[in-house]
C-alpha atoms as a PDB file:
ATOM      1  CA  MET A   1       1.892  17.777  11.107  1.00  0.00           C
ATOM      2  CA  SER A   2       1.766  19.728   7.798  1.00  0.00           C
ATOM      3  CA  GLU A   3       0.895  18.040   4.451  1.00  0.00           C
ATOM      4  CA  LYS A   4       4.376  18.544   3.330  1.00  0.00           C
ATOM      5  CA  SER A   5       5.879  16.750   6.373  1.00  0.00           C
ATOM      6  CA  ALA A   6       3.474  13.858   6.019  1.00  0.00           C
ATOM      7  CA  GLY A   7       4.540  13.270   2.303  1.00  0.00           C
ATOM      8  CA  VAL A   8       1.296  14.428   0.764  1.00  0.00           C
ATOM      9  CA  ALA A   9       2.773  17.232  -1.100  1.00  0.00           C
ATOM     10  CA  ASP A  10       5.518  15.299  -2.708  1.00  0.00           C
ATOM     11  CA  ALA A  11       3.321  12.821  -4.209  1.00  0.00           C
ATOM     12  CA  LYS A  12       3.420  13.445  -7.998  1.00  0.00           C
ATOM     13  CA  SER A  13       0.098  13.689  -9.915  1.00  0.00           C
ATOM     14  CA  PRO A  14       0.014  11.245 -12.894  1.00  0.00           C
ATOM     15  CA  GLU A  15       0.826  12.755 -16.360  1.00  0.00           C
ATOM     16  CA  PRO A  16      -2.297  13.574 -18.358  1.00  0.00           C
ATOM     17  CA  VAL A  17      -3.417  10.608 -20.571  1.00  0.00           C
ATOM     18  CA  LEU A  18      -5.686  11.066 -23.603  1.00  0.00           C
ATOM     19  CA  VAL A  19      -8.060   8.278 -24.822  1.00  0.00           C
ATOM     20  CA  ILE A  20      -9.666   8.566 -28.087  1.00  0.00           C
ATOM     21  CA  ALA A  21     -12.538   6.563 -28.217  1.00  0.00           C
ATOM     22  CA  CYS A  22     -15.682   5.534 -30.395  1.00  0.00           C
ATOM     23  CA  GLY A  23     -18.443   7.770 -29.043  1.00  0.00           C
ATOM     24  CA  ALA A  24     -20.364   4.529 -28.348  1.00  0.00           C
ATOM     25  CA  LEU A  25     -18.042   3.782 -25.491  1.00  0.00           C
ATOM     26  CA  ALA A  26     -18.019   7.082 -23.918  1.00  0.00           C
ATOM     27  CA  ARG A  27     -20.406   6.100 -21.057  1.00  0.00           C
ATOM     28  CA  GLU A  28     -18.596   3.227 -20.169  1.00  0.00           C
ATOM     29  CA  ILE A  29     -15.316   5.013 -20.171  1.00  0.00           C
ATOM     30  CA  ASN A  30     -16.522   7.871 -18.225  1.00  0.00           C
ATOM     31  CA  TYR A  31     -17.834   5.430 -15.631  1.00  0.00           C
ATOM     32  CA  LEU A  32     -14.449   3.842 -15.328  1.00  0.00           C
ATOM     33  CA  LYS A  33     -12.660   7.255 -14.958  1.00  0.00           C
ATOM     34  CA  LYS A  34     -15.208   8.515 -12.342  1.00  0.00           C
ATOM     35  CA  SER A  35     -15.192   5.034 -10.125  1.00  0.00           C
ATOM     36  CA  ASN A  36     -11.440   4.815 -10.171  1.00  0.00           C
ATOM     37  CA  GLY A  37     -10.638   8.729  -9.683  1.00  0.00           C
ATOM     38  CA  TRP A  38      -8.683   8.898 -12.925  1.00  0.00           C
ATOM     39  CA  GLU A  39      -8.830  12.665 -13.092  1.00  0.00           C
ATOM     40  CA  HIS A  40      -5.579  12.570 -15.325  1.00  0.00           C
ATOM     41  CA  LEU A  41      -7.571  10.714 -17.995  1.00  0.00           C
ATOM     42  CA  HIS A  42      -8.942  12.905 -20.779  1.00  0.00           C
ATOM     43  CA  MET A  43     -11.248  11.527 -23.481  1.00  0.00           C
ATOM     44  CA  ARG A  44     -12.073  12.685 -27.083  1.00  0.00           C
ATOM     45  CA  CYS A  45     -14.651  10.855 -28.719  1.00  0.00           C
ATOM     46  CA  ILE A  46     -15.125  10.241 -32.524  1.00  0.00           C
ATOM     47  CA  ASP A  47     -18.695  10.358 -33.819  1.00  0.00           C
ATOM     48  CA  ALA A  48     -20.318   6.796 -33.183  1.00  0.00           C
ATOM     49  CA  LYS A  49     -21.913   7.439 -36.589  1.00  0.00           C
ATOM     50  CA  LEU A  50     -18.707   6.198 -38.126  1.00  0.00           C
ATOM     51  CA  HIS A  51     -20.163   2.788 -37.566  1.00  0.00           C
ATOM     52  CA  ASN A  52     -22.103   3.441 -40.766  1.00  0.00           C
ATOM     53  CA  THR A  53     -18.866   4.259 -42.695  1.00  0.00           C
ATOM     54  CA  PRO A  54     -16.200   2.143 -41.080  1.00  0.00           C
ATOM     55  CA  GLU A  55     -13.548   3.036 -43.661  1.00  0.00           C
ATOM     56  CA  ARG A  56     -13.367   6.487 -42.453  1.00  0.00           C
ATOM     57  CA  ILE A  57     -12.528   5.305 -38.768  1.00  0.00           C
ATOM     58  CA  PRO A  58      -8.680   5.032 -39.453  1.00  0.00           C
ATOM     59  CA  TYR A  59      -8.520   8.472 -41.105  1.00  0.00           C
ATOM     60  CA  GLU A  60     -10.574  10.301 -38.072  1.00  0.00           C
ATOM     61  CA  LEU A  61      -8.457   8.445 -35.567  1.00  0.00           C
ATOM     62  CA  ARG A  62      -5.126   9.795 -37.354  1.00  0.00           C
ATOM     63  CA  GLU A  63      -6.496  13.166 -37.448  1.00  0.00           C
ATOM     64  CA  GLU A  64      -7.432  13.185 -33.774  1.00  0.00           C
ATOM     65  CA  ILE A  65      -3.995  11.873 -32.777  1.00  0.00           C
ATOM     66  CA  CYS A  66      -2.077  14.413 -34.847  1.00  0.00           C
ATOM     67  CA  ARG A  67      -4.410  16.931 -33.377  1.00  0.00           C
ATOM     68  CA  HIS A  68      -3.398  16.157 -29.763  1.00  0.00           C
ATOM     69  CA  ARG A  69       0.074  14.560 -29.937  1.00  0.00           C
ATOM     70  CA  ARG A  70       2.009  17.727 -28.720  1.00  0.00           C
ATOM     71  CA  ASP A  71      -0.197  17.743 -25.574  1.00  0.00           C
ATOM     72  CA  TYR A  72       0.020  14.251 -24.315  1.00  0.00           C
ATOM     73  CA  ALA A  73       3.011  11.813 -23.854  1.00  0.00           C
ATOM     74  CA  LYS A  74       0.326   8.885 -24.049  1.00  0.00           C
ATOM     75  CA  ILE A  75      -2.417   8.594 -26.328  1.00  0.00           C
ATOM     76  CA  PHE A  76      -4.694   5.533 -26.244  1.00  0.00           C
ATOM     77  CA  VAL A  77      -7.320   4.330 -28.700  1.00  0.00           C
ATOM     78  CA  ALA A  78     -10.383   2.661 -27.473  1.00  0.00           C
ATOM     79  CA  TYR A  79     -12.559   0.841 -30.013  1.00  0.00           C
ATOM     80  CA  ALA A  80     -14.174  -2.419 -29.705  1.00  0.00           C
ATOM     81  CA  ASP A  81     -15.530  -4.289 -32.670  1.00  0.00           C
ATOM     82  CA  CYS A  82     -16.371  -1.155 -34.474  1.00  0.00           C
ATOM     83  CA  GLY A  83     -16.784  -1.321 -38.389  1.00  0.00           C
ATOM     84  CA  THR A  84     -17.099  -5.073 -38.607  1.00  0.00           C
END
């Protein structure tokens, strides 16, 4: 039985998703990606040093979103209690 006749070739790969995250969360997000097989998830991290200048976080996020908005239909932001 070929892969196509078994329906394997017909399965759609998920669309790429971008997660823009605080660099302090990179290890945890990579763990989730690997343990769940989320190969479609791409991550860009903003420097964790922005914890020292939290007023710059929105600007840096906006810049990163604008830089990648043409390449991804879905962009998520992963921040926790950064800047408080």
